[in-house]
Amino acid sequence: VGLEVEGGLYLKTDDRTRAAFAEAGGSPFVYDGKGKPIVMRYWTPPEEAMDSPEAMRPWARLALEAAQRAALSRPVKK
């Protein structure tokens, strides 16, 4: 559902939710993978969401829904 990297919070996104995070001013988690940037499906929530649980709730819900969809799309292990 989320990552904490060097004091920053990143929440899970997917094709359905990524635009909302981008429009709210979020940015993706990017790391250096053998000399080229790797963009992950985790984005920062808007700054104002960090101010209160009520402001974070819709962003956390979007992240949870994205994580649930990702889990459902994985093949079932036998």
PDB file of N, CA and C in Angstrom:
ATOM      1  N   VAL A   1       0.828  -1.193   0.000  1.00  0.00           N
ATOM      2  CA  VAL A   1       0.000   0.000   0.000  1.00  0.00           C
ATOM      3  C   VAL A   1       0.871   1.254   0.000  1.00  0.00           C
ATOM      4  N   GLY A   2       1.998   1.212   0.687  1.00  0.00           N
ATOM      5  CA  GLY A   2       2.840   2.392   0.740  1.00  0.00           C
ATOM      6  C   GLY A   2       4.287   2.068   1.044  1.00  0.00           C
ATOM      7  N   LEU A   3       5.136   3.058   0.785  1.00  0.00           N
ATOM      8  CA  LEU A   3       6.559   2.971   1.079  1.00  0.00           C
ATOM      9  C   LEU A   3       6.984   4.221   1.829  1.00  0.00           C
ATOM     10  N   GLU A   4       7.927   4.057   2.732  1.00  0.00           N
ATOM     11  CA  GLU A   4       8.560   5.203   3.373  1.00  0.00           C
ATOM     12  C   GLU A   4      10.026   5.130   2.961  1.00  0.00           C
ATOM     13  N   VAL A   5      10.481   6.156   2.254  1.00  0.00           N
ATOM     14  CA  VAL A   5      11.851   6.188   1.764  1.00  0.00           C
ATOM     15  C   VAL A   5      12.472   7.523   2.155  1.00  0.00           C
ATOM     16  N   GLU A   6      13.517   7.453   2.961  1.00  0.00           N
ATOM     17  CA  GLU A   6      14.244   8.649   3.392  1.00  0.00           C
ATOM     18  C   GLU A   6      13.308   9.752   3.891  1.00  0.00           C
ATOM     19  N   GLY A   7      12.328   9.347   4.694  1.00  0.00           N
ATOM     20  CA  GLY A   7      11.404  10.295   5.290  1.00  0.00           C
ATOM     21  C   GLY A   7      10.237  10.709   4.409  1.00  0.00           C
ATOM     22  N   GLY A   8      10.183  10.193   3.189  1.00  0.00           N
ATOM     23  CA  GLY A   8       9.073  10.521   2.282  1.00  0.00           C
ATOM     24  C   GLY A   8       8.088   9.375   2.198  1.00  0.00           C
ATOM     25  N   LEU A   9       6.807   9.700   2.062  1.00  0.00           N
ATOM     26  CA  LEU A   9       5.753   8.704   1.944  1.00  0.00           C
ATOM     27  C   LEU A   9       5.335   8.584   0.489  1.00  0.00           C
ATOM     28  N   TYR A  10       5.266   7.359   0.007  1.00  0.00           N
ATOM     29  CA  TYR A  10       4.813   7.064  -1.349  1.00  0.00           C
ATOM     30  C   TYR A  10       3.690   6.044  -1.247  1.00  0.00           C
ATOM     31  N   LEU A  11       2.591   6.298  -1.959  1.00  0.00           N
ATOM     32  CA  LEU A  11       1.439   5.414  -1.917  1.00  0.00           C
ATOM     33  C   LEU A  11       1.264   4.698  -3.250  1.00  0.00           C
ATOM     34  N   LYS A  12       0.776   3.471  -3.188  1.00  0.00           N
ATOM     35  CA  LYS A  12       0.571   2.629  -4.367  1.00  0.00           C
ATOM     36  C   LYS A  12      -0.427   3.278  -5.315  1.00  0.00           C
ATOM     37  N   THR A  13      -0.104   3.257  -6.602  1.00  0.00           N
ATOM     38  CA  THR A  13      -1.019   3.740  -7.631  1.00  0.00           C
ATOM     39  C   THR A  13      -1.140   2.678  -8.715  1.00  0.00           C
ATOM     40  N   ASP A  14      -2.094   2.893  -9.604  1.00  0.00           N
ATOM     41  CA  ASP A  14      -2.233   2.073 -10.802  1.00  0.00           C
ATOM     42  C   ASP A  14      -2.811   2.957 -11.894  1.00  0.00           C
ATOM     43  N   ASP A  15      -3.188   2.357 -13.003  1.00  0.00           N
ATOM     44  CA  ASP A  15      -3.694   3.148 -14.124  1.00  0.00           C
ATOM     45  C   ASP A  15      -4.948   3.950 -13.761  1.00  0.00           C
ATOM     46  N   ARG A  16      -5.723   3.456 -12.828  1.00  0.00           N
ATOM     47  CA  ARG A  16      -6.957   4.156 -12.418  1.00  0.00           C
ATOM     48  C   ARG A  16      -6.694   5.345 -11.494  1.00  0.00           C
ATOM     49  N   THR A  17      -5.610   5.294 -10.718  1.00  0.00           N
ATOM     50  CA  THR A  17      -5.414   6.302  -9.677  1.00  0.00           C
ATOM     51  C   THR A  17      -4.253   7.254  -9.918  1.00  0.00           C
ATOM     52  N   ARG A  18      -3.350   6.891 -10.819  1.00  0.00           N
ATOM     53  CA  ARG A  18      -2.123   7.676 -11.015  1.00  0.00           C
ATOM     54  C   ARG A  18      -2.416   9.126 -11.389  1.00  0.00           C
ATOM     55  N   ALA A  19      -3.397   9.353 -12.241  1.00  0.00           N
ATOM     56  CA  ALA A  19      -3.716  10.717 -12.674  1.00  0.00           C
ATOM     57  C   ALA A  19      -4.150  11.593 -11.501  1.00  0.00           C
ATOM     58  N   ALA A  20      -4.885  11.037 -10.561  1.00  0.00           N
ATOM     59  CA  ALA A  20      -5.315  11.815  -9.395  1.00  0.00           C
ATOM     60  C   ALA A  20      -4.115  12.287  -8.585  1.00  0.00           C
ATOM     61  N   PHE A  21      -3.142  11.410  -8.401  1.00  0.00           N
ATOM     62  CA  PHE A  21      -1.936  11.788  -7.664  1.00  0.00           C
ATOM     63  C   PHE A  21      -1.151  12.846  -8.433  1.00  0.00           C
ATOM     64  N   ALA A  22      -1.035  12.684  -9.742  1.00  0.00           N
ATOM     65  CA  ALA A  22      -0.311  13.656 -10.563  1.00  0.00           C
ATOM     66  C   ALA A  22      -1.000  15.015 -10.543  1.00  0.00           C
ATOM     67  N   GLU A  23      -2.312  15.030 -10.692  1.00  0.00           N
ATOM     68  CA  GLU A  23      -3.065  16.292 -10.692  1.00  0.00           C
ATOM     69  C   GLU A  23      -2.987  17.002  -9.351  1.00  0.00           C
ATOM     70  N   ALA A  24      -2.807  16.239  -8.272  1.00  0.00           N
ATOM     71  CA  ALA A  24      -2.711  16.821  -6.930  1.00  0.00           C
ATOM     72  C   ALA A  24      -1.298  17.286  -6.610  1.00  0.00           C
ATOM     73  N   GLY A  25      -0.378  17.136  -7.570  1.00  0.00           N
ATOM     74  CA  GLY A  25       0.985  17.604  -7.355  1.00  0.00           C
ATOM     75  C   GLY A  25       1.945  16.555  -6.852  1.00  0.00           C
ATOM     76  N   GLY A  26       1.524  15.301  -6.852  1.00  0.00           N
ATOM     77  CA  GLY A  26       2.398  14.227  -6.388  1.00  0.00           C
ATOM     78  C   GLY A  26       3.500  13.928  -7.386  1.00  0.00           C
ATOM     79  N   SER A  27       4.454  13.128  -6.926  1.00  0.00           N
ATOM     80  CA  SER A  27       5.538  12.713  -7.812  1.00  0.00           C
ATOM     81  C   SER A  27       5.846  11.244  -7.556  1.00  0.00           C
ATOM     82  N   PRO A  28       6.315  10.540  -8.576  1.00  0.00           N
ATOM     83  CA  PRO A  28       6.574   9.112  -8.425  1.00  0.00           C
ATOM     84  C   PRO A  28       7.878   8.836  -7.696  1.00  0.00           C
ATOM     85  N   PHE A  29       7.966   7.642  -7.141  1.00  0.00           N
ATOM     86  CA  PHE A  29       9.215   7.175  -6.567  1.00  0.00           C
ATOM     87  C   PHE A  29      10.082   6.687  -7.718  1.00  0.00           C
ATOM     88  N   VAL A  30      11.285   7.243  -7.828  1.00  0.00           N
ATOM     89  CA  VAL A  30      12.219   6.894  -8.899  1.00  0.00           C
ATOM     90  C   VAL A  30      13.549   6.522  -8.255  1.00  0.00           C
ATOM     91  N   TYR A  31      14.137   5.438  -8.722  1.00  0.00           N
ATOM     92  CA  TYR A  31      15.462   5.068  -8.232  1.00  0.00           C
ATOM     93  C   TYR A  31      16.373   4.758  -9.418  1.00  0.00           C
ATOM     94  N   ASP A  32      17.662   4.740  -9.157  1.00  0.00           N
ATOM     95  CA  ASP A  32      18.658   4.493 -10.193  1.00  0.00           C
ATOM     96  C   ASP A  32      18.850   2.995 -10.346  1.00  0.00           C
ATOM     97  N   GLY A  33      18.476   2.472 -11.498  1.00  0.00           N
ATOM     98  CA  GLY A  33      18.623   1.048 -11.768  1.00  0.00           C
ATOM     99  C   GLY A  33      19.676   0.816 -12.829  1.00  0.00           C
ATOM    100  N   LYS A  34      20.896   0.590 -12.393  1.00  0.00           N
ATOM    101  CA  LYS A  34      22.017   0.326 -13.303  1.00  0.00           C
ATOM    102  C   LYS A  34      22.183   1.442 -14.337  1.00  0.00           C
ATOM    103  N   GLY A  35      22.189   2.667 -13.847  1.00  0.00           N
ATOM    104  CA  GLY A  35      22.457   3.798 -14.707  1.00  0.00           C
ATOM    105  C   GLY A  35      21.256   4.416 -15.394  1.00  0.00           C
ATOM    106  N   LYS A  36      20.073   3.850 -15.212  1.00  0.00           N
ATOM    107  CA  LYS A  36      18.880   4.474 -15.788  1.00  0.00           C
ATOM    108  C   LYS A  36      17.779   4.553 -14.737  1.00  0.00           C
ATOM    109  N   PRO A  37      16.991   5.613 -14.793  1.00  0.00           N
ATOM    110  CA  PRO A  37      15.950   5.780 -13.774  1.00  0.00           C
ATOM    111  C   PRO A  37      14.827   4.755 -13.933  1.00  0.00           C
ATOM    112  N   ILE A  38      14.414   4.196 -12.811  1.00  0.00           N
ATOM    113  CA  ILE A  38      13.299   3.259 -12.758  1.00  0.00           C
ATOM    114  C   ILE A  38      12.160   3.956 -12.020  1.00  0.00           C
ATOM    115  N   VAL A  39      11.037   4.122 -12.694  1.00  0.00           N
ATOM    116  CA  VAL A  39       9.868   4.793 -12.110  1.00  0.00           C
ATOM    117  C   VAL A  39       8.939   3.721 -11.556  1.00  0.00           C
ATOM    118  N   MET A  40       8.664   3.817 -10.264  1.00  0.00           N
ATOM    119  CA  MET A  40       7.794   2.854  -9.593  1.00  0.00           C
ATOM    120  C   MET A  40       6.339   3.333  -9.616  1.00  0.00           C
ATOM    121  N   ARG A  41       5.448   2.453  -9.234  1.00  0.00           N
ATOM    122  CA  ARG A  41       4.023   2.778  -9.187  1.00  0.00           C
ATOM    123  C   ARG A  41       3.603   3.318  -7.825  1.00  0.00           C
ATOM    124  N   TYR A  42       4.504   3.996  -7.180  1.00  0.00           N
ATOM    125  CA  TYR A  42       4.237   4.630  -5.884  1.00  0.00           C
ATOM    126  C   TYR A  42       4.442   6.126  -6.055  1.00  0.00           C
ATOM    127  N   TRP A  43       3.471   6.906  -5.595  1.00  0.00           N
ATOM    128  CA  TRP A  43       3.506   8.365  -5.738  1.00  0.00           C
ATOM    129  C   TRP A  43       3.306   9.033  -4.379  1.00  0.00           C
ATOM    130  N   THR A  44       3.832  10.241  -4.263  1.00  0.00           N
ATOM    131  CA  THR A  44       3.604  11.012  -3.044  1.00  0.00           C
ATOM    132  C   THR A  44       2.174  11.546  -3.042  1.00  0.00           C
ATOM    133  N   PRO A  45       1.543  11.566  -1.887  1.00  0.00           N
ATOM    134  CA  PRO A  45       0.239  12.219  -1.790  1.00  0.00           C
ATOM    135  C   PRO A  45       0.464  13.735  -1.768  1.00  0.00           C
ATOM    136  N   PRO A  46      -0.583  14.520  -1.943  1.00  0.00           N
ATOM    137  CA  PRO A  46      -0.409  15.979  -1.860  1.00  0.00           C
ATOM    138  C   PRO A  46       0.057  16.387  -0.463  1.00  0.00           C
ATOM    139  N   GLU A  47       0.805  17.465  -0.394  1.00  0.00           N
ATOM    140  CA  GLU A  47       1.358  17.938   0.884  1.00  0.00           C
ATOM    141  C   GLU A  47       0.273  18.115   1.946  1.00  0.00           C
ATOM    142  N   GLU A  48      -0.875  18.661   1.565  1.00  0.00           N
ATOM    143  CA  GLU A  48      -1.931  18.918   2.549  1.00  0.00           C
ATOM    144  C   GLU A  48      -2.476  17.624   3.155  1.00  0.00           C
ATOM    145  N   ALA A  49      -2.301  16.501   2.483  1.00  0.00           N
ATOM    146  CA  ALA A  49      -2.757  15.224   3.028  1.00  0.00           C
ATOM    147  C   ALA A  49      -1.930  14.809   4.234  1.00  0.00           C
ATOM    148  N   MET A  50      -0.738  15.352   4.352  1.00  0.00           N
ATOM    149  CA  MET A  50       0.129  15.008   5.473  1.00  0.00           C
ATOM    150  C   MET A  50      -0.269  15.736   6.756  1.00  0.00           C
ATOM    151  N   ASP A  51      -1.215  16.659   6.656  1.00  0.00           N
ATOM    152  CA  ASP A  51      -1.594  17.487   7.798  1.00  0.00           C
ATOM    153  C   ASP A  51      -2.584  16.837   8.755  1.00  0.00           C
ATOM    154  N   SER A  52      -3.371  15.881   8.280  1.00  0.00           N
ATOM    155  CA  SER A  52      -4.370  15.282   9.165  1.00  0.00           C
ATOM    156  C   SER A  52      -4.824  13.927   8.629  1.00  0.00           C
ATOM    157  N   PRO A  53      -5.323  13.087   9.517  1.00  0.00           N
ATOM    158  CA  PRO A  53      -5.858  11.795   9.070  1.00  0.00           C
ATOM    159  C   PRO A  53      -7.016  11.960   8.082  1.00  0.00           C
ATOM    160  N   GLU A  54      -7.854  12.964   8.308  1.00  0.00           N
ATOM    161  CA  GLU A  54      -8.997  13.181   7.421  1.00  0.00           C
ATOM    162  C   GLU A  54      -8.546  13.547   6.016  1.00  0.00           C
ATOM    163  N   ALA A  55      -7.485  14.348   5.915  1.00  0.00           N
ATOM    164  CA  ALA A  55      -6.975  14.744   4.607  1.00  0.00           C
ATOM    165  C   ALA A  55      -6.256  13.585   3.912  1.00  0.00           C
ATOM    166  N   MET A  56      -5.672  12.683   4.695  1.00  0.00           N
ATOM    167  CA  MET A  56      -4.961  11.539   4.121  1.00  0.00           C
ATOM    168  C   MET A  56      -5.900  10.417   3.711  1.00  0.00           C
ATOM    169  N   ARG A  57      -7.043  10.306   4.356  1.00  0.00           N
ATOM    170  CA  ARG A  57      -7.949   9.176   4.154  1.00  0.00           C
ATOM    171  C   ARG A  57      -8.262   8.883   2.686  1.00  0.00           C
ATOM    172  N   PRO A  58      -8.650   9.870   1.859  1.00  0.00           N
ATOM    173  CA  PRO A  58      -8.968   9.519   0.461  1.00  0.00           C
ATOM    174  C   PRO A  58      -7.762   9.004  -0.318  1.00  0.00           C
ATOM    175  N   TRP A  59      -6.576   9.484   0.003  1.00  0.00           N
ATOM    176  CA  TRP A  59      -5.369   9.047  -0.698  1.00  0.00           C
ATOM    177  C   TRP A  59      -4.983   7.645  -0.255  1.00  0.00           C
ATOM    178  N   ALA A  60      -5.125   7.372   1.031  1.00  0.00           N
ATOM    179  CA  ALA A  60      -4.852   6.027   1.536  1.00  0.00           C
ATOM    180  C   ALA A  60      -5.844   5.031   0.945  1.00  0.00           C
ATOM    181  N   ARG A  61      -7.090   5.455   0.803  1.00  0.00           N
ATOM    182  CA  ARG A  61      -8.108   4.578   0.223  1.00  0.00           C
ATOM    183  C   ARG A  61      -7.763   4.248  -1.233  1.00  0.00           C
ATOM    184  N   LEU A  62      -7.328   5.260  -1.997  1.00  0.00           N
ATOM    185  CA  LEU A  62      -6.929   5.018  -3.386  1.00  0.00           C
ATOM    186  C   LEU A  62      -5.762   4.033  -3.448  1.00  0.00           C
ATOM    187  N   ALA A  63      -4.801   4.181  -2.536  1.00  0.00           N
ATOM    188  CA  ALA A  63      -3.650   3.284  -2.501  1.00  0.00           C
ATOM    189  C   ALA A  63      -4.074   1.861  -2.156  1.00  0.00           C
ATOM    190  N   LEU A  64      -4.954   1.712  -1.200  1.00  0.00           N
ATOM    191  CA  LEU A  64      -5.437   0.393  -0.817  1.00  0.00           C
ATOM    192  C   LEU A  64      -6.171  -0.267  -1.980  1.00  0.00           C
ATOM    193  N   GLU A  65      -7.015   0.487  -2.657  1.00  0.00           N
ATOM    194  CA  GLU A  65      -7.748  -0.056  -3.797  1.00  0.00           C
ATOM    195  C   GLU A  65      -6.794  -0.475  -4.910  1.00  0.00           C
ATOM    196  N   ALA A  66      -5.757   0.318  -5.172  1.00  0.00           N
ATOM    197  CA  ALA A  66      -4.772  -0.034  -6.195  1.00  0.00           C
ATOM    198  C   ALA A  66      -4.032  -1.309  -5.801  1.00  0.00           C
ATOM    199  N   ALA A  67      -3.674  -1.436  -4.532  1.00  0.00           N
ATOM    200  CA  ALA A  67      -2.980  -2.633  -4.057  1.00  0.00           C
ATOM    201  C   ALA A  67      -3.878  -3.866  -4.163  1.00  0.00           C
ATOM    202  N   GLN A  68      -5.148  -3.702  -3.862  1.00  0.00           N
ATOM    203  CA  GLN A  68      -6.087  -4.826  -3.960  1.00  0.00           C
ATOM    204  C   GLN A  68      -6.254  -5.263  -5.420  1.00  0.00           C
ATOM    205  N   ARG A  69      -6.368  -4.309  -6.327  1.00  0.00           N
ATOM    206  CA  ARG A  69      -6.482  -4.660  -7.746  1.00  0.00           C
ATOM    207  C   ARG A  69      -5.216  -5.377  -8.227  1.00  0.00           C
ATOM    208  N   ALA A  70      -4.051  -4.912  -7.779  1.00  0.00           N
ATOM    209  CA  ALA A  70      -2.792  -5.557  -8.169  1.00  0.00           C
ATOM    210  C   ALA A  70      -2.748  -6.988  -7.659  1.00  0.00           C
ATOM    211  N   ALA A  71      -3.192  -7.205  -6.433  1.00  0.00           N
ATOM    212  CA  ALA A  71      -3.181  -8.549  -5.858  1.00  0.00           C
ATOM    213  C   ALA A  71      -4.132  -9.475  -6.614  1.00  0.00           C
ATOM    214  N   LEU A  72      -5.275  -8.959  -7.023  1.00  0.00           N
ATOM    215  CA  LEU A  72      -6.248  -9.768  -7.745  1.00  0.00           C
ATOM    216  C   LEU A  72      -5.780 -10.114  -9.157  1.00  0.00           C
ATOM    217  N   SER A  73      -4.898  -9.303  -9.717  1.00  0.00           N
ATOM    218  CA  SER A  73      -4.445  -9.545 -11.085  1.00  0.00           C
ATOM    219  C   SER A  73      -3.275 -10.519 -11.163  1.00  0.00           C
ATOM    220  N   ARG A  74      -2.691 -10.858 -10.015  1.00  0.00           N
ATOM    221  CA  ARG A  74      -1.573 -11.818 -10.000  1.00  0.00           C
ATOM    222  C   ARG A  74      -2.100 -13.231 -10.177  1.00  0.00           C
ATOM    223  N   PRO A  75      -1.332 -14.066 -10.875  1.00  0.00           N
ATOM    224  CA  PRO A  75      -1.762 -15.467 -11.014  1.00  0.00           C
ATOM    225  C   PRO A  75      -1.790 -16.170  -9.656  1.00  0.00           C
ATOM    226  N   VAL A  76      -2.696 -17.086  -9.502  1.00  0.00           N
ATOM    227  CA  VAL A  76      -2.824 -17.851  -8.263  1.00  0.00           C
ATOM    228  C   VAL A  76      -1.747 -18.925  -8.253  1.00  0.00           C
ATOM    229  N   LYS A  77      -0.997 -18.997  -7.137  1.00  0.00           N
ATOM    230  CA  LYS A  77       0.040 -20.025  -6.995  1.00  0.00           C
ATOM    231  C   LYS A  77      -0.609 -21.335  -6.589  1.00  0.00           C
ATOM    232  N   LYS A  78      -0.139 -22.412  -7.187  1.00  0.00           N
ATOM    233  CA  LYS A  78      -0.685 -23.741  -6.857  1.00  0.00           C
ATOM    234  C   LYS A  78       0.128 -24.409  -5.798  1.00  0.00           C
TER     235      LYS A  78
END
